[in-house]
């Protein structure tokens, strides 16, 4: 009887920890996403990001972002160790680029217009 109670208690603790981990993971993933809207007349071909305005990485935006379209972009987990504040710019199909602007990507509900 005692062993049965211990087993039930341990199972309950394990399930509780697993549920807590899923909630923490969902909240963490949500912190590192943002909405991007293309307000330009040319399609966005690249969304570029940098901590220092010298070394630029990119988001996977598939075929691009058409004028007037809004998409949700999610950070790759490999960037979790980077600072919240990052520089961001867009490259357009016509060959132009937007001016880099600094954003706090830890901000919940961040919306960016290019």
C-alpha atoms as a PDB file:
ATOM      1  CA  UNK A   1       0.000   0.000   0.000  1.00  0.00           C
ATOM      2  CA  UNK A   2       2.805   2.425   0.868  1.00  0.00           C
ATOM      3  CA  UNK A   3       4.642   1.591  -2.378  1.00  0.00           C
ATOM      4  CA  UNK A   4       1.483   2.245  -4.381  1.00  0.00           C
ATOM      5  CA  UNK A   5       1.089   5.678  -2.772  1.00  0.00           C
ATOM      6  CA  UNK A   6       4.729   6.532  -3.460  1.00  0.00           C
ATOM      7  CA  UNK A   7       4.404   5.431  -7.096  1.00  0.00           C
ATOM      8  CA  UNK A   8       1.261   7.572  -7.551  1.00  0.00           C
ATOM      9  CA  UNK A   9       3.013  10.524  -5.902  1.00  0.00           C
ATOM     10  CA  UNK A  10       6.087  10.215  -8.125  1.00  0.00           C
ATOM     11  CA  UNK A  11       3.925   9.894 -11.236  1.00  0.00           C
ATOM     12  CA  UNK A  12       2.017  13.030 -10.260  1.00  0.00           C
ATOM     13  CA  UNK A  13       5.265  14.960  -9.714  1.00  0.00           C
ATOM     14  CA  UNK A  14       6.672  13.765 -13.064  1.00  0.00           C
ATOM     15  CA  UNK A  15       3.522  14.760 -14.950  1.00  0.00           C
ATOM     16  CA  UNK A  16       3.492  18.135 -13.230  1.00  0.00           C
ATOM     17  CA  UNK A  17       7.112  18.780 -14.168  1.00  0.00           C
ATOM     18  CA  UNK A  18       6.467  17.754 -17.775  1.00  0.00           C
ATOM     19  CA  UNK A  19       3.450  20.078 -18.005  1.00  0.00           C
ATOM     20  CA  UNK A  20       5.443  22.928 -16.500  1.00  0.00           C
ATOM     21  CA  UNK A  21       8.212  22.334 -19.063  1.00  0.00           C
ATOM     22  CA  UNK A  22       5.716  22.505 -21.952  1.00  0.00           C
ATOM     23  CA  UNK A  23       4.267  25.768 -20.645  1.00  0.00           C
ATOM     24  CA  UNK A  24       7.734  27.264 -20.197  1.00  0.00           C
ATOM     25  CA  UNK A  25       8.743  26.159 -23.720  1.00  0.00           C
ATOM     26  CA  UNK A  26       5.591  27.653 -25.247  1.00  0.00           C
ATOM     27  CA  UNK A  27       6.123  30.945 -23.417  1.00  0.00           C
ATOM     28  CA  UNK A  28       9.794  31.011 -24.399  1.00  0.00           C
ATOM     29  CA  UNK A  29       9.031  30.443 -28.084  1.00  0.00           C
ATOM     30  CA  UNK A  30       6.435  33.204 -27.990  1.00  0.00           C
ATOM     31  CA  UNK A  31       9.012  35.710 -26.675  1.00  0.00           C
ATOM     32  CA  UNK A  32      11.119  35.322 -29.794  1.00  0.00           C
ATOM     33  CA  UNK A  33       8.652  36.014 -32.581  1.00  0.00           C
ATOM     34  CA  UNK A  34       7.367  39.177 -34.185  1.00  0.00           C
ATOM     35  CA  UNK A  35       5.025  40.379 -36.898  1.00  0.00           C
ATOM     36  CA  UNK A  36       6.477  41.972 -40.039  1.00  0.00           C
ATOM     37  CA  UNK A  37       4.421  43.983 -42.535  1.00  0.00           C
ATOM     38  CA  UNK A  38       5.707  45.035 -45.940  1.00  0.00           C
ATOM     39  CA  UNK A  39       4.491  48.612 -46.430  1.00  0.00           C
ATOM     40  CA  UNK A  40       6.737  49.158 -49.493  1.00  0.00           C
ATOM     41  CA  UNK A  41       5.777  48.843 -53.161  1.00  0.00           C
ATOM     42  CA  UNK A  42       8.446  46.161 -53.772  1.00  0.00           C
ATOM     43  CA  UNK A  43       8.518  42.611 -52.372  1.00  0.00           C
ATOM     44  CA  UNK A  44      10.862  41.892 -49.469  1.00  0.00           C
ATOM     45  CA  UNK A  45      13.394  39.234 -50.481  1.00  0.00           C
ATOM     46  CA  UNK A  46      15.382  39.139 -47.215  1.00  0.00           C
ATOM     47  CA  UNK A  47      14.894  40.170 -43.589  1.00  0.00           C
ATOM     48  CA  UNK A  48      18.346  40.710 -42.102  1.00  0.00           C
ATOM     49  CA  UNK A  49      19.332  40.955 -38.424  1.00  0.00           C
ATOM     50  CA  UNK A  50      22.519  41.928 -36.574  1.00  0.00           C
ATOM     51  CA  UNK A  51      23.700  42.584 -33.039  1.00  0.00           C
ATOM     52  CA  UNK A  52      26.431  44.965 -34.211  1.00  0.00           C
ATOM     53  CA  UNK A  53      25.349  46.296 -37.661  1.00  0.00           C
ATOM     54  CA  UNK A  54      28.435  44.583 -39.161  1.00  0.00           C
ATOM     55  CA  UNK A  55      27.603  40.867 -39.243  1.00  0.00           C
ATOM     56  CA  UNK A  56      24.154  40.147 -40.706  1.00  0.00           C
ATOM     57  CA  UNK A  57      22.107  36.955 -40.556  1.00  0.00           C
ATOM     58  CA  UNK A  58      18.737  36.290 -42.112  1.00  0.00           C
ATOM     59  CA  UNK A  59      15.287  34.912 -41.410  1.00  0.00           C
ATOM     60  CA  UNK A  60      13.776  32.213 -43.585  1.00  0.00           C
ATOM     61  CA  UNK A  61      10.999  34.088 -45.398  1.00  0.00           C
ATOM     62  CA  UNK A  62      10.447  31.528 -48.145  1.00  0.00           C
ATOM     63  CA  UNK A  63       9.451  33.186 -51.423  1.00  0.00           C
ATOM     64  CA  UNK A  64       9.518  36.625 -49.779  1.00  0.00           C
ATOM     65  CA  UNK A  65       6.953  39.051 -48.395  1.00  0.00           C
ATOM     66  CA  UNK A  66       4.689  40.689 -50.977  1.00  0.00           C
ATOM     67  CA  UNK A  67       3.724  44.374 -50.690  1.00  0.00           C
ATOM     68  CA  UNK A  68       0.924  44.773 -48.151  1.00  0.00           C
ATOM     69  CA  UNK A  69       1.455  41.288 -46.671  1.00  0.00           C
ATOM     70  CA  UNK A  70       1.951  40.605 -42.957  1.00  0.00           C
ATOM     71  CA  UNK A  71       3.835  37.548 -41.697  1.00  0.00           C
ATOM     72  CA  UNK A  72       4.885  36.168 -38.329  1.00  0.00           C
ATOM     73  CA  UNK A  73       8.629  35.530 -38.079  1.00  0.00           C
ATOM     74  CA  UNK A  74      10.118  33.285 -35.393  1.00  0.00           C
ATOM     75  CA  UNK A  75      13.717  33.342 -34.195  1.00  0.00           C
ATOM     76  CA  UNK A  76      15.801  30.215 -34.663  1.00  0.00           C
ATOM     77  CA  UNK A  77      16.578  28.594 -31.292  1.00  0.00           C
ATOM     78  CA  UNK A  78      20.308  28.893 -32.053  1.00  0.00           C
ATOM     79  CA  UNK A  79      19.977  32.643 -31.348  1.00  0.00           C
ATOM     80  CA  UNK A  80      18.610  32.199 -27.802  1.00  0.00           C
ATOM     81  CA  UNK A  81      21.934  33.304 -26.277  1.00  0.00           C
ATOM     82  CA  UNK A  82      21.954  36.623 -28.133  1.00  0.00           C
ATOM     83  CA  UNK A  83      20.850  40.012 -26.813  1.00  0.00           C
ATOM     84  CA  UNK A  84      17.209  41.065 -27.020  1.00  0.00           C
ATOM     85  CA  UNK A  85      18.074  44.304 -28.814  1.00  0.00           C
ATOM     86  CA  UNK A  86      19.017  43.707 -32.445  1.00  0.00           C
ATOM     87  CA  UNK A  87      19.293  45.706 -35.655  1.00  0.00           C
ATOM     88  CA  UNK A  88      16.896  44.775 -38.432  1.00  0.00           C
ATOM     89  CA  UNK A  89      16.598  45.723 -42.098  1.00  0.00           C
ATOM     90  CA  UNK A  90      14.843  44.465 -45.213  1.00  0.00           C
ATOM     91  CA  UNK A  91      16.215  43.842 -48.700  1.00  0.00           C
ATOM     92  CA  UNK A  92      13.748  44.405 -51.554  1.00  0.00           C
ATOM     93  CA  UNK A  93      13.283  42.848 -55.002  1.00  0.00           C
ATOM     94  CA  UNK A  94      14.172  46.194 -56.620  1.00  0.00           C
ATOM     95  CA  UNK A  95      17.696  45.994 -55.078  1.00  0.00           C
ATOM     96  CA  UNK A  96      17.139  48.571 -52.330  1.00  0.00           C
ATOM     97  CA  UNK A  97      17.409  48.057 -48.568  1.00  0.00           C
ATOM     98  CA  UNK A  98      15.613  49.699 -45.674  1.00  0.00           C
ATOM     99  CA  UNK A  99      17.603  51.672 -43.112  1.00  0.00           C
ATOM    100  CA  UNK A 100      18.652  49.466 -40.173  1.00  0.00           C
ATOM    101  CA  UNK A 101      16.560  50.063 -37.055  1.00  0.00           C
ATOM    102  CA  UNK A 102      17.066  48.708 -33.535  1.00  0.00           C
ATOM    103  CA  UNK A 103      14.295  46.701 -31.858  1.00  0.00           C
ATOM    104  CA  UNK A 104      13.836  44.861 -28.566  1.00  0.00           C
ATOM    105  CA  UNK A 105      12.790  41.380 -29.661  1.00  0.00           C
ATOM    106  CA  UNK A 106      12.001  40.270 -26.096  1.00  0.00           C
ATOM    107  CA  UNK A 107       9.047  42.675 -26.246  1.00  0.00           C
ATOM    108  CA  UNK A 108       5.778  40.768 -26.445  1.00  0.00           C
ATOM    109  CA  UNK A 109       3.603  41.479 -29.490  1.00  0.00           C
ATOM    110  CA  UNK A 110       6.325  43.329 -31.430  1.00  0.00           C
ATOM    111  CA  UNK A 111       5.072  44.569 -34.821  1.00  0.00           C
ATOM    112  CA  UNK A 112       7.489  45.918 -37.443  1.00  0.00           C
ATOM    113  CA  UNK A 113       6.648  47.760 -40.646  1.00  0.00           C
ATOM    114  CA  UNK A 114       9.187  47.745 -43.474  1.00  0.00           C
END
